[in-house]
Amino acid sequence: MRFGNHRKLQRIQKTEEIIKKVTDGIEMFCSNDKCKNIVTLDVEAATRTIMCGKCHSGFFSKKKKIKKKPVKTIAWKDQKEIIRRTIKEC
């Protein structure tokens, strides 16, 4: 779990850096109801949900790709047929 927490901290630091870079934008409050931090972003991002680096939504994070699992049943059927053929030949 250590590596997962480390990556999470890196993502939070990246979001805080991006928020710091944008200085000429609009000041808005964080989307989290409990948080009262002010976030500055550009006009294009004004329509999206905005959260500060402490709350950190998936605003800047990338979506994870889901890997397709290989289907084992087809290969298993082929192996059964090969075994049957070898038994018949003997």
PDB file of N, CA and C in Angstrom:
ATOM      1  N   MET A   1       0.812  -1.201   0.000  1.00  0.00           N
ATOM      2  CA  MET A   1       0.000   0.000   0.000  1.00  0.00           C
ATOM      3  C   MET A   1       0.852   1.261   0.000  1.00  0.00           C
ATOM      4  N   ARG A   2       2.123   1.097   0.316  1.00  0.00           N
ATOM      5  CA  ARG A   2       2.991   2.261   0.382  1.00  0.00           C
ATOM      6  C   ARG A   2       3.082   2.952  -0.971  1.00  0.00           C
ATOM      7  N   PHE A   3       3.187   2.153  -2.039  1.00  0.00           N
ATOM      8  CA  PHE A   3       3.337   2.732  -3.367  1.00  0.00           C
ATOM      9  C   PHE A   3       2.058   3.434  -3.812  1.00  0.00           C
ATOM     10  N   GLY A   4       0.897   2.885  -3.448  1.00  0.00           N
ATOM     11  CA  GLY A   4      -0.371   3.518  -3.803  1.00  0.00           C
ATOM     12  C   GLY A   4      -0.518   4.880  -3.149  1.00  0.00           C
ATOM     13  N   ASN A   5      -0.142   4.969  -1.884  1.00  0.00           N
ATOM     14  CA  ASN A   5      -0.213   6.249  -1.181  1.00  0.00           C
ATOM     15  C   ASN A   5       0.772   7.249  -1.772  1.00  0.00           C
ATOM     16  N   HIS A   6       1.941   6.763  -2.176  1.00  0.00           N
ATOM     17  CA  HIS A   6       2.947   7.638  -2.770  1.00  0.00           C
ATOM     18  C   HIS A   6       2.435   8.228  -4.082  1.00  0.00           C
ATOM     19  N   ARG A   7       1.799   7.399  -4.907  1.00  0.00           N
ATOM     20  CA  ARG A   7       1.248   7.887  -6.179  1.00  0.00           C
ATOM     21  C   ARG A   7       0.121   8.875  -5.943  1.00  0.00           C
ATOM     22  N   LYS A   8      -0.684   8.613  -4.928  1.00  0.00           N
ATOM     23  CA  LYS A   8      -1.769   9.524  -4.595  1.00  0.00           C
ATOM     24  C   LYS A   8      -1.209  10.885  -4.193  1.00  0.00           C
ATOM     25  N   LEU A   9      -0.151  10.884  -3.389  1.00  0.00           N
ATOM     26  CA  LEU A   9       0.488  12.141  -2.995  1.00  0.00           C
ATOM     27  C   LEU A   9       1.074  12.865  -4.200  1.00  0.00           C
ATOM     28  N   GLN A  10       1.647  12.110  -5.143  1.00  0.00           N
ATOM     29  CA  GLN A  10       2.191  12.729  -6.348  1.00  0.00           C
ATOM     30  C   GLN A  10       1.093  13.401  -7.155  1.00  0.00           C
ATOM     31  N   ARG A  11      -0.070  12.731  -7.279  1.00  0.00           N
ATOM     32  CA  ARG A  11      -1.194  13.312  -8.017  1.00  0.00           C
ATOM     33  C   ARG A  11      -1.684  14.584  -7.343  1.00  0.00           C
ATOM     34  N   ILE A  12      -1.739  14.570  -6.021  1.00  0.00           N
ATOM     35  CA  ILE A  12      -2.179  15.758  -5.284  1.00  0.00           C
ATOM     36  C   ILE A  12      -1.197  16.901  -5.504  1.00  0.00           C
ATOM     37  N   GLN A  13       0.099  16.607  -5.489  1.00  0.00           N
ATOM     38  CA  GLN A  13       1.105  17.639  -5.720  1.00  0.00           C
ATOM     39  C   GLN A  13       1.006  18.195  -7.134  1.00  0.00           C
ATOM     40  N   LYS A  14       0.734  17.328  -8.123  1.00  0.00           N
ATOM     41  CA  LYS A  14       0.590  17.792  -9.504  1.00  0.00           C
ATOM     42  C   LYS A  14      -0.600  18.729  -9.643  1.00  0.00           C
ATOM     43  N   THR A  15      -1.724  18.380  -9.007  1.00  0.00           N
ATOM     44  CA  THR A  15      -2.898  19.251  -9.094  1.00  0.00           C
ATOM     45  C   THR A  15      -2.630  20.597  -8.449  1.00  0.00           C
ATOM     46  N   GLU A  16      -1.933  20.585  -7.319  1.00  0.00           N
ATOM     47  CA  GLU A  16      -1.610  21.850  -6.660  1.00  0.00           C
ATOM     48  C   GLU A  16      -0.686  22.694  -7.521  1.00  0.00           C
ATOM     49  N   GLU A  17       0.245  22.062  -8.236  1.00  0.00           N
ATOM     50  CA  GLU A  17       1.140  22.804  -9.128  1.00  0.00           C
ATOM     51  C   GLU A  17       0.370  23.413 -10.289  1.00  0.00           C
ATOM     52  N   ILE A  18      -0.585  22.658 -10.843  1.00  0.00           N
ATOM     53  CA  ILE A  18      -1.375  23.173 -11.961  1.00  0.00           C
ATOM     54  C   ILE A  18      -2.234  24.344 -11.504  1.00  0.00           C
ATOM     55  N   ILE A  19      -2.815  24.216 -10.320  1.00  0.00           N
ATOM     56  CA  ILE A  19      -3.640  25.307  -9.784  1.00  0.00           C
ATOM     57  C   ILE A  19      -2.791  26.550  -9.530  1.00  0.00           C
ATOM     58  N   LYS A  20      -1.567  26.380  -9.071  1.00  0.00           N
ATOM     59  CA  LYS A  20      -0.676  27.514  -8.820  1.00  0.00           C
ATOM     60  C   LYS A  20      -0.264  28.207 -10.115  1.00  0.00           C
ATOM     61  N   LYS A  21      -0.115  27.426 -11.208  1.00  0.00           N
ATOM     62  CA  LYS A  21       0.319  28.011 -12.480  1.00  0.00           C
ATOM     63  C   LYS A  21      -0.725  28.969 -13.046  1.00  0.00           C
ATOM     64  N   VAL A  22      -1.992  28.645 -12.853  1.00  0.00           N
ATOM     65  CA  VAL A  22      -3.062  29.481 -13.402  1.00  0.00           C
ATOM     66  C   VAL A  22      -3.325  30.628 -12.431  1.00  0.00           C
ATOM     67  N   THR A  23      -2.957  31.828 -12.831  1.00  0.00           N
ATOM     68  CA  THR A  23      -3.113  32.972 -11.927  1.00  0.00           C
ATOM     69  C   THR A  23      -4.131  33.985 -12.432  1.00  0.00           C
ATOM     70  N   ASP A  24      -4.389  34.031 -13.738  1.00  0.00           N
ATOM     71  CA  ASP A  24      -5.276  35.050 -14.288  1.00  0.00           C
ATOM     72  C   ASP A  24      -6.715  34.557 -14.417  1.00  0.00           C
ATOM     73  N   GLY A  25      -7.064  33.498 -13.731  1.00  0.00           N
ATOM     74  CA  GLY A  25      -8.398  32.907 -13.871  1.00  0.00           C
ATOM     75  C   GLY A  25      -9.407  33.447 -12.879  1.00  0.00           C
ATOM     76  N   ILE A  26     -10.518  32.724 -12.789  1.00  0.00           N
ATOM     77  CA  ILE A  26     -11.618  33.101 -11.906  1.00  0.00           C
ATOM     78  C   ILE A  26     -11.416  32.429 -10.553  1.00  0.00           C
ATOM     79  N   GLU A  27     -11.747  33.141  -9.480  1.00  0.00           N
ATOM     80  CA  GLU A  27     -11.662  32.541  -8.151  1.00  0.00           C
ATOM     81  C   GLU A  27     -12.991  31.863  -7.836  1.00  0.00           C
ATOM     82  N   MET A  28     -12.910  30.580  -7.480  1.00  0.00           N
ATOM     83  CA  MET A  28     -14.114  29.815  -7.154  1.00  0.00           C
ATOM     84  C   MET A  28     -13.868  29.032  -5.880  1.00  0.00           C
ATOM     85  N   PHE A  29     -14.941  28.646  -5.229  1.00  0.00           N
ATOM     86  CA  PHE A  29     -14.818  27.820  -4.032  1.00  0.00           C
ATOM     87  C   PHE A  29     -14.708  26.358  -4.437  1.00  0.00           C
ATOM     88  N   CYS A  30     -14.109  25.567  -3.559  1.00  0.00           N
ATOM     89  CA  CYS A  30     -13.961  24.133  -3.782  1.00  0.00           C
ATOM     90  C   CYS A  30     -15.349  23.490  -3.831  1.00  0.00           C
ATOM     91  N   SER A  31     -15.525  22.467  -4.679  1.00  0.00           N
ATOM     92  CA  SER A  31     -16.824  21.807  -4.842  1.00  0.00           C
ATOM     93  C   SER A  31     -17.232  20.987  -3.622  1.00  0.00           C
ATOM     94  N   ASN A  32     -16.273  20.622  -2.806  1.00  0.00           N
ATOM     95  CA  ASN A  32     -16.582  19.874  -1.591  1.00  0.00           C
ATOM     96  C   ASN A  32     -17.303  20.794  -0.602  1.00  0.00           C
ATOM     97  N   ASP A  33     -18.441  20.343  -0.070  1.00  0.00           N
ATOM     98  CA  ASP A  33     -19.246  21.187   0.822  1.00  0.00           C
ATOM     99  C   ASP A  33     -18.536  21.514   2.129  1.00  0.00           C
ATOM    100  N   LYS A  34     -17.765  20.574   2.647  1.00  0.00           N
ATOM    101  CA  LYS A  34     -17.087  20.766   3.927  1.00  0.00           C
ATOM    102  C   LYS A  34     -15.872  21.685   3.804  1.00  0.00           C
ATOM    103  N   CYS A  35     -15.276  21.740   2.615  1.00  0.00           N
ATOM    104  CA  CYS A  35     -14.066  22.532   2.398  1.00  0.00           C
ATOM    105  C   CYS A  35     -14.445  23.960   1.984  1.00  0.00           C
ATOM    106  N   LYS A  36     -13.689  24.941   2.423  1.00  0.00           N
ATOM    107  CA  LYS A  36     -13.971  26.340   2.075  1.00  0.00           C
ATOM    108  C   LYS A  36     -12.797  27.005   1.370  1.00  0.00           C
ATOM    109  N   ASN A  37     -11.907  26.209   0.781  1.00  0.00           N
ATOM    110  CA  ASN A  37     -10.747  26.768   0.091  1.00  0.00           C
ATOM    111  C   ASN A  37     -11.162  27.415  -1.225  1.00  0.00           C
ATOM    112  N   ILE A  38     -10.419  28.439  -1.622  1.00  0.00           N
ATOM    113  CA  ILE A  38     -10.675  29.118  -2.890  1.00  0.00           C
ATOM    114  C   ILE A  38      -9.690  28.586  -3.925  1.00  0.00           C
ATOM    115  N   VAL A  39     -10.216  28.242  -5.100  1.00  0.00           N
ATOM    116  CA  VAL A  39      -9.395  27.690  -6.171  1.00  0.00           C
ATOM    117  C   VAL A  39      -9.459  28.638  -7.357  1.00  0.00           C
ATOM    118  N   THR A  40      -8.303  28.937  -7.962  1.00  0.00           N
ATOM    119  CA  THR A  40      -8.287  29.783  -9.154  1.00  0.00           C
ATOM    120  C   THR A  40      -8.022  28.920 -10.376  1.00  0.00           C
ATOM    121  N   LEU A  41      -8.891  29.010 -11.356  1.00  0.00           N
ATOM    122  CA  LEU A  41      -8.746  28.246 -12.599  1.00  0.00           C
ATOM    123  C   LEU A  41      -9.091  29.123 -13.789  1.00  0.00           C
ATOM    124  N   ASP A  42      -8.746  28.632 -14.989  1.00  0.00           N
ATOM    125  CA  ASP A  42      -9.038  29.395 -16.199  1.00  0.00           C
ATOM    126  C   ASP A  42     -10.517  29.261 -16.570  1.00  0.00           C
ATOM    127  N   VAL A  43     -10.946  30.035 -17.567  1.00  0.00           N
ATOM    128  CA  VAL A  43     -12.356  30.106 -17.948  1.00  0.00           C
ATOM    129  C   VAL A  43     -12.856  28.769 -18.501  1.00  0.00           C
ATOM    130  N   GLU A  44     -12.014  28.022 -19.218  1.00  0.00           N
ATOM    131  CA  GLU A  44     -12.431  26.758 -19.825  1.00  0.00           C
ATOM    132  C   GLU A  44     -12.822  25.725 -18.771  1.00  0.00           C
ATOM    133  N   ALA A  45     -12.160  25.742 -17.627  1.00  0.00           N
ATOM    134  CA  ALA A  45     -12.424  24.761 -16.572  1.00  0.00           C
ATOM    135  C   ALA A  45     -13.531  25.207 -15.620  1.00  0.00           C
ATOM    136  N   ALA A  46     -14.137  26.360 -15.883  1.00  0.00           N
ATOM    137  CA  ALA A  46     -15.137  26.904 -14.960  1.00  0.00           C
ATOM    138  C   ALA A  46     -16.405  26.058 -14.906  1.00  0.00           C
ATOM    139  N   THR A  47     -16.714  25.342 -15.978  1.00  0.00           N
ATOM    140  CA  THR A  47     -17.944  24.548 -15.999  1.00  0.00           C
ATOM    141  C   THR A  47     -17.785  23.213 -15.288  1.00  0.00           C
ATOM    142  N   ARG A  48     -16.570  22.755 -15.089  1.00  0.00           N
ATOM    143  CA  ARG A  48     -16.328  21.452 -14.469  1.00  0.00           C
ATOM    144  C   ARG A  48     -16.382  21.547 -12.948  1.00  0.00           C
ATOM    145  N   THR A  49     -16.432  20.370 -12.312  1.00  0.00           N
ATOM    146  CA  THR A  49     -16.362  20.362 -10.848  1.00  0.00           C
ATOM    147  C   THR A  49     -14.929  20.656 -10.430  1.00  0.00           C
ATOM    148  N   ILE A  50     -14.773  21.559  -9.506  1.00  0.00           N
ATOM    149  CA  ILE A  50     -13.444  22.028  -9.116  1.00  0.00           C
ATOM    150  C   ILE A  50     -13.199  21.683  -7.656  1.00  0.00           C
ATOM    151  N   MET A  51     -12.056  21.082  -7.389  1.00  0.00           N
ATOM    152  CA  MET A  51     -11.679  20.784  -6.015  1.00  0.00           C
ATOM    153  C   MET A  51     -10.236  21.204  -5.791  1.00  0.00           C
ATOM    154  N   CYS A  52      -9.938  21.585  -4.560  1.00  0.00           N
ATOM    155  CA  CYS A  52      -8.580  22.005  -4.234  1.00  0.00           C
ATOM    156  C   CYS A  52      -7.677  20.785  -4.094  1.00  0.00           C
ATOM    157  N   GLY A  53      -6.389  21.007  -3.903  1.00  0.00           N
ATOM    158  CA  GLY A  53      -5.424  19.919  -3.800  1.00  0.00           C
ATOM    159  C   GLY A  53      -5.653  19.031  -2.593  1.00  0.00           C
ATOM    160  N   LYS A  54      -6.239  19.578  -1.527  1.00  0.00           N
ATOM    161  CA  LYS A  54      -6.489  18.767  -0.329  1.00  0.00           C
ATOM    162  C   LYS A  54      -7.637  17.789  -0.561  1.00  0.00           C
ATOM    163  N   CYS A  55      -8.695  18.249  -1.200  1.00  0.00           N
ATOM    164  CA  CYS A  55      -9.846  17.366  -1.464  1.00  0.00           C
ATOM    165  C   CYS A  55      -9.555  16.456  -2.652  1.00  0.00           C
ATOM    166  N   HIS A  56      -8.949  16.980  -3.665  1.00  0.00           N
ATOM    167  CA  HIS A  56      -8.476  16.292  -4.865  1.00  0.00           C
ATOM    168  C   HIS A  56      -9.486  15.329  -5.474  1.00  0.00           C
ATOM    169  N   SER A  57     -10.224  15.821  -6.427  1.00  0.00           N
ATOM    170  CA  SER A  57     -11.090  14.938  -7.203  1.00  0.00           C
ATOM    171  C   SER A  57     -10.266  14.345  -8.335  1.00  0.00           C
ATOM    172  N   GLY A  58     -10.901  13.656  -9.228  1.00  0.00           N
ATOM    173  CA  GLY A  58     -10.211  13.110 -10.387  1.00  0.00           C
ATOM    174  C   GLY A  58     -10.152  14.124 -11.511  1.00  0.00           C
ATOM    175  N   PHE A  59     -10.064  15.407 -11.187  1.00  0.00           N
ATOM    176  CA  PHE A  59     -10.117  16.489 -12.176  1.00  0.00           C
ATOM    177  C   PHE A  59      -8.940  16.430 -13.139  1.00  0.00           C
ATOM    178  N   PHE A  60      -7.738  16.205 -12.620  1.00  0.00           N
ATOM    179  CA  PHE A  60      -6.560  16.156 -13.472  1.00  0.00           C
ATOM    180  C   PHE A  60      -6.041  14.736 -13.678  1.00  0.00           C
ATOM    181  N   SER A  61      -6.605  13.774 -12.971  1.00  0.00           N
ATOM    182  CA  SER A  61      -6.085  12.406 -13.061  1.00  0.00           C
ATOM    183  C   SER A  61      -6.607  11.708 -14.310  1.00  0.00           C
ATOM    184  N   LYS A  62      -5.827  10.784 -14.825  1.00  0.00           N
ATOM    185  CA  LYS A  62      -6.199  10.045 -16.025  1.00  0.00           C
ATOM    186  C   LYS A  62      -7.059   8.851 -15.650  1.00  0.00           C
ATOM    187  N   LYS A  63      -7.895   8.419 -16.593  1.00  0.00           N
ATOM    188  CA  LYS A  63      -8.712   7.234 -16.360  1.00  0.00           C
ATOM    189  C   LYS A  63      -7.849   5.989 -16.521  1.00  0.00           C
ATOM    190  N   LYS A  64      -8.098   5.011 -15.672  1.00  0.00           N
ATOM    191  CA  LYS A  64      -7.340   3.770 -15.740  1.00  0.00           C
ATOM    192  C   LYS A  64      -7.885   2.900 -16.864  1.00  0.00           C
ATOM    193  N   LYS A  65      -6.975   2.277 -17.597  1.00  0.00           N
ATOM    194  CA  LYS A  65      -7.377   1.368 -18.660  1.00  0.00           C
ATOM    195  C   LYS A  65      -7.614  -0.018 -18.069  1.00  0.00           C
ATOM    196  N   ILE A  66      -8.720  -0.632 -18.464  1.00  0.00           N
ATOM    197  CA  ILE A  66      -9.044  -1.967 -17.977  1.00  0.00           C
ATOM    198  C   ILE A  66      -8.473  -2.985 -18.957  1.00  0.00           C
ATOM    199  N   LYS A  67      -7.653  -3.881 -18.428  1.00  0.00           N
ATOM    200  CA  LYS A  67      -7.043  -4.905 -19.267  1.00  0.00           C
ATOM    201  C   LYS A  67      -8.034  -6.034 -19.503  1.00  0.00           C
ATOM    202  N   LYS A  68      -8.074  -6.519 -20.738  1.00  0.00           N
ATOM    203  CA  LYS A  68      -8.951  -7.637 -21.062  1.00  0.00           C
ATOM    204  C   LYS A  68      -8.300  -8.929 -20.594  1.00  0.00           C
ATOM    205  N   LYS A  69      -9.086  -9.751 -19.929  1.00  0.00           N
ATOM    206  CA  LYS A  69      -8.573 -11.026 -19.446  1.00  0.00           C
ATOM    207  C   LYS A  69      -8.626 -12.047 -20.583  1.00  0.00           C
ATOM    208  N   PRO A  70      -7.582 -12.850 -20.745  1.00  0.00           N
ATOM    209  CA  PRO A  70      -7.592 -13.854 -21.808  1.00  0.00           C
ATOM    210  C   PRO A  70      -8.617 -14.949 -21.517  1.00  0.00           C
ATOM    211  N   VAL A  71      -9.246 -15.421 -22.573  1.00  0.00           N
ATOM    212  CA  VAL A  71     -10.242 -16.478 -22.434  1.00  0.00           C
ATOM    213  C   VAL A  71      -9.521 -17.813 -22.455  1.00  0.00           C
ATOM    214  N   LYS A  72      -9.637 -18.565 -21.376  1.00  0.00           N
ATOM    215  CA  LYS A  72      -8.911 -19.823 -21.248  1.00  0.00           C
ATOM    216  C   LYS A  72      -9.708 -21.010 -21.769  1.00  0.00           C
ATOM    217  N   THR A  73     -11.004 -20.878 -21.914  1.00  0.00           N
ATOM    218  CA  THR A  73     -11.848 -22.013 -22.292  1.00  0.00           C
ATOM    219  C   THR A  73     -11.552 -22.494 -23.707  1.00  0.00           C
ATOM    220  N   ILE A  74     -11.271 -21.588 -24.629  1.00  0.00           N
ATOM    221  CA  ILE A  74     -10.999 -21.972 -26.017  1.00  0.00           C
ATOM    222  C   ILE A  74      -9.722 -22.801 -26.085  1.00  0.00           C
ATOM    223  N   ALA A  75      -8.688 -22.357 -25.415  1.00  0.00           N
ATOM    224  CA  ALA A  75      -7.420 -23.088 -25.415  1.00  0.00           C
ATOM    225  C   ALA A  75      -7.595 -24.456 -24.757  1.00  0.00           C
ATOM    226  N   TRP A  76      -8.397 -24.517 -23.716  1.00  0.00           N
ATOM    227  CA  TRP A  76      -8.620 -25.783 -23.015  1.00  0.00           C
ATOM    228  C   TRP A  76      -9.333 -26.781 -23.925  1.00  0.00           C
ATOM    229  N   LYS A  77     -10.298 -26.320 -24.720  1.00  0.00           N
ATOM    230  CA  LYS A  77     -10.999 -27.205 -25.662  1.00  0.00           C
ATOM    231  C   LYS A  77     -10.034 -27.731 -26.712  1.00  0.00           C
ATOM    232  N   ASP A  78      -9.148 -26.871 -27.204  1.00  0.00           N
ATOM    233  CA  ASP A  78      -8.155 -27.297 -28.196  1.00  0.00           C
ATOM    234  C   ASP A  78      -7.230 -28.356 -27.612  1.00  0.00           C
ATOM    235  N   GLN A  79      -6.828 -28.186 -26.388  1.00  0.00           N
ATOM    236  CA  GLN A  79      -5.950 -29.169 -25.739  1.00  0.00           C
ATOM    237  C   GLN A  79      -6.658 -30.506 -25.577  1.00  0.00           C
ATOM    238  N   LYS A  80      -7.947 -30.484 -25.256  1.00  0.00           N
ATOM    239  CA  LYS A  80      -8.713 -31.725 -25.128  1.00  0.00           C
ATOM    240  C   LYS A  80      -8.757 -32.476 -26.459  1.00  0.00           C
ATOM    241  N   GLU A  81      -8.972 -31.732 -27.546  1.00  0.00           N
ATOM    242  CA  GLU A  81      -9.028 -32.359 -28.873  1.00  0.00           C
ATOM    243  C   GLU A  81      -7.688 -32.975 -29.245  1.00  0.00           C
ATOM    244  N   ILE A  82      -6.601 -32.313 -28.928  1.00  0.00           N
ATOM    245  CA  ILE A  82      -5.261 -32.841 -29.224  1.00  0.00           C
ATOM    246  C   ILE A  82      -5.020 -34.121 -28.435  1.00  0.00           C
ATOM    247  N   ILE A  83      -5.430 -34.139 -27.179  1.00  0.00           N
ATOM    248  CA  ILE A  83      -5.268 -35.342 -26.347  1.00  0.00           C
ATOM    249  C   ILE A  83      -6.095 -36.491 -26.916  1.00  0.00           C
ATOM    250  N   ARG A  84      -7.337 -36.218 -27.338  1.00  0.00           N
ATOM    251  CA  ARG A  84      -8.191 -37.259 -27.916  1.00  0.00           C
ATOM    252  C   ARG A  84      -7.580 -37.835 -29.192  1.00  0.00           C
ATOM    253  N   ARG A  85      -7.044 -36.970 -30.044  1.00  0.00           N
ATOM    254  CA  ARG A  85      -6.436 -37.429 -31.304  1.00  0.00           C
ATOM    255  C   ARG A  85      -5.224 -38.312 -31.042  1.00  0.00           C
ATOM    256  N   THR A  86      -4.403 -37.911 -30.074  1.00  0.00           N
ATOM    257  CA  THR A  86      -3.211 -38.718 -29.773  1.00  0.00           C
ATOM    258  C   THR A  86      -3.597 -40.078 -29.201  1.00  0.00           C
ATOM    259  N   ILE A  87      -4.665 -40.129 -28.417  1.00  0.00           N
ATOM    260  CA  ILE A  87      -5.125 -41.407 -27.857  1.00  0.00           C
ATOM    261  C   ILE A  87      -5.667 -42.308 -28.972  1.00  0.00           C
ATOM    262  N   LYS A  88      -6.422 -41.728 -29.916  1.00  0.00           N
ATOM    263  CA  LYS A  88      -6.985 -42.511 -31.020  1.00  0.00           C
ATOM    264  C   LYS A  88      -5.887 -43.065 -31.922  1.00  0.00           C
ATOM    265  N   GLU A  89      -4.841 -42.265 -32.147  1.00  0.00           N
ATOM    266  CA  GLU A  89      -3.738 -42.702 -33.013  1.00  0.00           C
ATOM    267  C   GLU A  89      -2.955 -43.854 -32.382  1.00  0.00           C
ATOM    268  N   CYS A  90      -2.850 -43.852 -31.065  1.00  0.00           N
ATOM    269  CA  CYS A  90      -2.114 -44.925 -30.383  1.00  0.00           C
ATOM    270  C   CYS A  90      -2.964 -46.147 -30.368  1.00  0.00           C
TER     271      CYS A  90
END
